[in-house]
Protein backbone atom coordinates (compact mmCIF):
# COMPACT_ATOMS: atom_id res chain seq x y z
CA UNK A 1 46.13 48.36 93.93
CA UNK A 2 46.45 44.82 92.56
CA UNK A 3 43.42 43.58 94.53
CA UNK A 4 41.34 46.51 93.37
CA UNK A 5 42.31 46.10 89.71
CA UNK A 6 41.61 42.36 89.91
CA UNK A 7 38.12 43.03 91.27
CA UNK A 8 37.45 45.48 88.43
CA UNK A 9 38.62 42.98 85.82
CA UNK A 10 36.57 40.13 87.32
CA UNK A 11 33.45 42.31 87.45
CA UNK A 12 34.00 43.28 83.81
CA UNK A 13 34.28 39.65 82.75
CA UNK A 14 31.12 38.69 84.68
CA UNK A 15 29.20 41.47 82.93
CA UNK A 16 30.47 40.24 79.56
CA UNK A 17 29.32 36.70 80.32
CA UNK A 18 25.79 37.58 81.45
CA UNK A 19 25.10 40.37 78.96
CA UNK A 20 24.06 38.11 76.03
CA UNK A 21 21.36 36.45 78.15
CA UNK A 22 19.47 39.73 78.15
CA UNK A 23 18.97 39.55 74.39
CA UNK A 24 19.35 35.84 73.65
CA UNK A 25 15.61 35.20 73.53
CA UNK A 26 15.04 37.85 70.87
CA UNK A 27 18.26 37.88 68.85
CA UNK A 28 20.93 35.41 67.84
CA UNK A 29 23.72 34.62 70.29
CA UNK A 30 27.01 33.04 69.29
CA UNK A 31 30.63 32.52 70.26
CA UNK A 32 34.00 33.25 68.71
CA UNK A 33 37.20 31.47 69.75
CA UNK A 34 40.63 31.90 68.27
CA UNK A 35 44.36 31.41 68.63
CA UNK A 36 47.12 33.62 67.20
CA UNK A 37 50.80 32.76 66.95
CA UNK A 38 53.12 35.66 66.15
CA UNK A 39 56.77 35.38 65.10
CA UNK A 40 59.15 38.34 65.03
CA UNK A 41 61.01 38.25 61.73
CA UNK A 42 62.92 41.53 61.89
CA UNK A 43 62.73 44.53 64.24
CA UNK A 44 59.23 45.90 63.75
CA UNK A 45 58.22 43.15 61.29
CA UNK A 46 55.95 40.32 62.52
CA UNK A 47 54.28 37.31 60.93
CA UNK A 48 51.02 35.98 62.43
CA UNK A 49 49.16 32.71 61.95
CA UNK A 50 45.60 32.69 63.27
CA UNK A 51 42.84 30.08 63.59
CA UNK A 52 39.24 31.02 64.41
CA UNK A 53 35.92 29.24 64.96
CA UNK A 54 32.46 30.80 65.35
CA UNK A 55 28.99 29.58 66.30
CA UNK A 56 25.51 31.10 65.92
CA UNK A 57 21.80 30.30 66.46
CA UNK A 58 22.26 30.34 70.25
CA UNK A 59 25.27 27.97 69.98
CA UNK A 60 23.35 25.39 67.93
CA UNK A 61 25.05 25.99 64.56
CA UNK A 62 28.66 26.18 63.42
CA UNK A 63 28.95 29.56 61.69
CA UNK A 64 32.45 29.57 60.22
CA UNK A 65 36.08 28.63 60.66
CA UNK A 66 39.03 30.41 59.15
CA UNK A 67 42.80 30.47 58.82
CA UNK A 68 44.59 33.82 58.67
CA UNK A 69 48.13 34.60 57.49
CA UNK A 70 49.28 38.15 58.12
CA UNK A 71 52.27 40.49 58.14
CA UNK A 72 52.58 43.74 60.09
CA UNK A 73 55.32 46.35 60.21
CA UNK A 74 55.69 49.15 62.74
CA UNK A 75 56.90 52.04 60.61
CA UNK A 76 57.18 54.43 63.56
CA UNK A 77 56.00 54.08 67.18
CA UNK A 78 52.63 55.61 66.23
CA UNK A 79 51.96 53.83 62.93
CA UNK A 80 51.69 50.17 61.91
CA UNK A 81 51.05 48.91 58.37
CA UNK A 82 50.09 45.39 57.37
CA UNK A 83 48.11 42.96 55.29
CA UNK A 84 47.16 39.33 54.97
CA UNK A 85 45.04 36.54 53.60
CA UNK A 86 42.04 34.73 55.14
CA UNK A 87 40.82 31.30 54.05
CA UNK A 88 37.21 31.06 55.23
CA UNK A 89 34.68 28.25 55.34
CA UNK A 90 31.28 29.83 55.97
CA UNK A 91 28.06 27.97 56.74
CA UNK A 92 25.49 29.87 54.67
CA UNK A 93 21.97 29.82 56.12
CA UNK A 94 20.36 28.40 52.96
CA UNK A 95 23.22 27.24 50.73
CA UNK A 96 25.35 25.30 53.20
CA UNK A 97 29.13 25.43 53.49
CA UNK A 98 30.97 27.63 51.02
CA UNK A 99 34.57 28.73 50.57
CA UNK A 100 35.65 32.35 50.74
CA UNK A 101 39.02 33.89 49.96
CA UNK A 102 39.77 37.25 51.56
CA UNK A 103 42.77 39.53 51.39
CA UNK A 104 43.19 42.75 53.32
CA UNK A 105 45.47 45.71 53.99
CA UNK A 106 45.44 48.01 57.00
CA UNK A 107 47.01 51.02 58.66
CA UNK A 108 46.76 51.58 62.41
CA UNK A 109 47.66 54.81 64.16
CA UNK A 110 47.83 55.02 67.94
CA UNK A 111 48.30 57.68 70.59
CA UNK A 112 49.13 57.03 74.25
CA UNK A 113 48.24 59.39 77.09
CA UNK A 114 48.48 58.58 80.78
CA UNK A 115 47.45 54.89 81.00
CA UNK A 116 45.18 55.11 77.96
CA UNK A 117 45.85 54.12 74.36
CA UNK A 118 43.64 55.44 71.57
CA UNK A 119 43.94 53.80 68.17
CA UNK A 120 42.34 54.18 64.75
CA UNK A 121 42.56 51.36 62.22
CA UNK A 122 41.64 51.73 58.56
CA UNK A 123 41.29 48.39 56.75
CA UNK A 124 40.50 47.52 53.14
CA UNK A 125 39.27 43.99 52.42
CA UNK A 126 38.16 42.00 49.39
CA UNK A 127 36.16 38.79 49.87
CA UNK A 128 35.49 36.37 47.02
CA UNK A 129 32.81 33.70 47.39
CA UNK A 130 33.94 30.67 45.38
CA UNK A 131 31.31 29.54 42.85
CA UNK A 132 29.01 32.53 43.40
CA UNK A 133 28.17 34.73 40.41
CA UNK A 134 27.72 38.47 40.42
CA UNK A 135 24.20 39.80 39.91
CA UNK A 136 22.52 43.18 39.60
CA UNK A 137 22.19 43.27 43.39
CA UNK A 138 25.22 41.24 44.53
CA UNK A 139 28.92 41.92 44.07
CA UNK A 140 31.59 39.21 44.07
CA UNK A 141 34.21 39.88 45.27
CA UNK A 142 32.71 42.17 47.89
CA UNK A 143 34.85 45.17 48.80
CA UNK A 144 34.73 46.87 52.20
CA UNK A 145 36.53 49.68 53.97
CA UNK A 146 36.44 49.18 57.74
CA UNK A 147 36.96 52.01 60.25
CA UNK A 148 37.71 50.98 63.86
CA UNK A 149 38.22 53.34 66.80
CA UNK A 150 39.44 51.72 70.03
CA UNK A 151 40.23 52.95 73.53
CA UNK A 152 42.29 50.76 75.87
CA UNK A 153 43.21 51.31 79.52
CA UNK A 154 46.31 49.78 81.10
CA UNK A 155 45.46 49.23 84.78
CA UNK A 156 48.53 50.21 86.85
CA UNK A 157 50.35 47.33 88.56
CA UNK A 158 48.06 44.85 86.83
CA UNK A 159 48.08 42.43 83.92
CA UNK A 160 44.55 43.45 82.89
CA UNK A 161 43.79 45.94 80.10
CA UNK A 162 40.08 46.60 79.45
CA UNK A 163 39.06 48.12 76.12
CA UNK A 164 36.08 49.32 74.08
CA UNK A 165 35.81 49.83 70.33
CA UNK A 166 33.43 50.81 67.57
CA UNK A 167 33.82 49.62 63.97
CA UNK A 168 31.97 50.77 60.85
CA UNK A 169 31.87 48.83 57.58
CA UNK A 170 31.64 50.84 54.35
CA UNK A 171 30.77 49.07 51.09
CA UNK A 172 32.86 50.05 48.07
CA UNK A 173 31.25 48.13 45.18
CA UNK A 174 27.64 47.45 46.14
CA UNK A 175 25.57 47.40 42.89
CA UNK A 176 22.59 48.85 44.78
CA UNK A 177 24.61 51.75 46.20
CA UNK A 178 27.49 52.10 48.66
CA UNK A 179 26.85 52.91 52.30
CA UNK A 180 27.93 52.37 55.89
CA UNK A 181 25.84 49.24 56.34
CA UNK A 182 27.41 47.51 59.33
CA UNK A 183 28.19 48.67 62.86
CA UNK A 184 30.01 46.65 65.49
CA UNK A 185 30.49 47.44 69.20
CA UNK A 186 33.02 45.55 71.34
CA UNK A 187 33.94 45.64 75.03
CA UNK A 188 36.51 43.34 76.53
CA UNK A 189 39.65 42.79 78.53
CA UNK A 190 43.16 41.55 77.75
CA UNK A 191 45.17 39.61 80.31
CA UNK A 192 48.95 39.23 79.97
CA UNK A 193 49.93 35.85 81.38
CA UNK A 194 53.57 36.70 80.71
CA UNK A 195 55.64 38.40 77.99
CA UNK A 196 54.80 35.72 75.41
CA UNK A 197 51.28 34.58 76.32
CA UNK A 198 48.04 36.53 76.65
CA UNK A 199 44.27 36.00 76.78
CA UNK A 200 41.39 38.14 75.55
CA UNK A 201 37.72 37.96 76.53
CA UNK A 202 35.13 40.20 74.90
CA UNK A 203 31.46 40.84 74.25
CA UNK A 204 30.42 42.09 70.80
CA UNK A 205 27.17 43.35 69.35
CA UNK A 206 26.83 43.62 65.58
CA UNK A 207 23.89 45.22 63.85
CA UNK A 208 24.21 45.11 60.09
CA UNK A 209 22.48 44.75 56.76
CA UNK A 210 23.95 42.04 54.54
CA UNK A 211 22.49 39.34 52.31
CA UNK A 212 25.25 36.85 53.17
CA UNK A 213 25.36 37.05 56.96
CA UNK A 214 23.06 37.28 59.96
CA UNK A 215 22.16 40.62 61.56
CA UNK A 216 21.80 41.67 65.17
CA UNK A 217 24.19 39.13 66.67
CA UNK A 218 25.48 39.01 70.25
CA UNK A 219 28.84 37.29 70.60
CA UNK A 220 31.09 36.22 73.46
CA UNK A 221 34.68 35.79 72.30
CA UNK A 222 37.78 34.20 73.78
CA UNK A 223 41.22 34.42 72.23
CA UNK A 224 44.72 33.21 73.06
CA UNK A 225 47.93 34.77 71.69
CA UNK A 226 51.49 33.48 71.73
CA UNK A 227 54.48 35.54 70.63
CA UNK A 228 58.03 34.36 70.03
């Protein structure tokens, strides 16, 4: 069983690595790398510090880096509540580097059946662009409600857990009219090195309409998590 699950995981990772090459000539390809450190404060209550770096323009341009501070609390086995703050430095296509301050709150419900875990996360976020004024067509801060549905499979007798998710972004204060204007698909795999350390590799496609970010981006992401 272990050999079979390992082959499945390796095949999944190979597909994730070669997938962006199919579109790279026509649409932007970038990367996302990050590290998360999580500390258990009380039973069910965790504090997380995260660092993230992204590239775009087929790896030629630094897109953004950010620092995230978050708290999460498992109210019951099926429900987790949380919130946090993101300090973001974003490399705007025409205006250069700018600072963004983002805060967010979320609720995640999950249901386990067999070796599957289905989860739904609802997240509210507010992002303020420092030094940018509001206009008749641009809000600042920009408010979003994000809806993410994710399905994860825990391979028996294995440390690999492949997953797929879909996330929709809904504007809440767009002066030109609110809508679901961003859609993000993700497929990836988690690997538990041990009880404290884990890795995540994923492929993501984002197709969205936004005056501050690029659209139609293919991303390969790699993340490392440490819990203590």
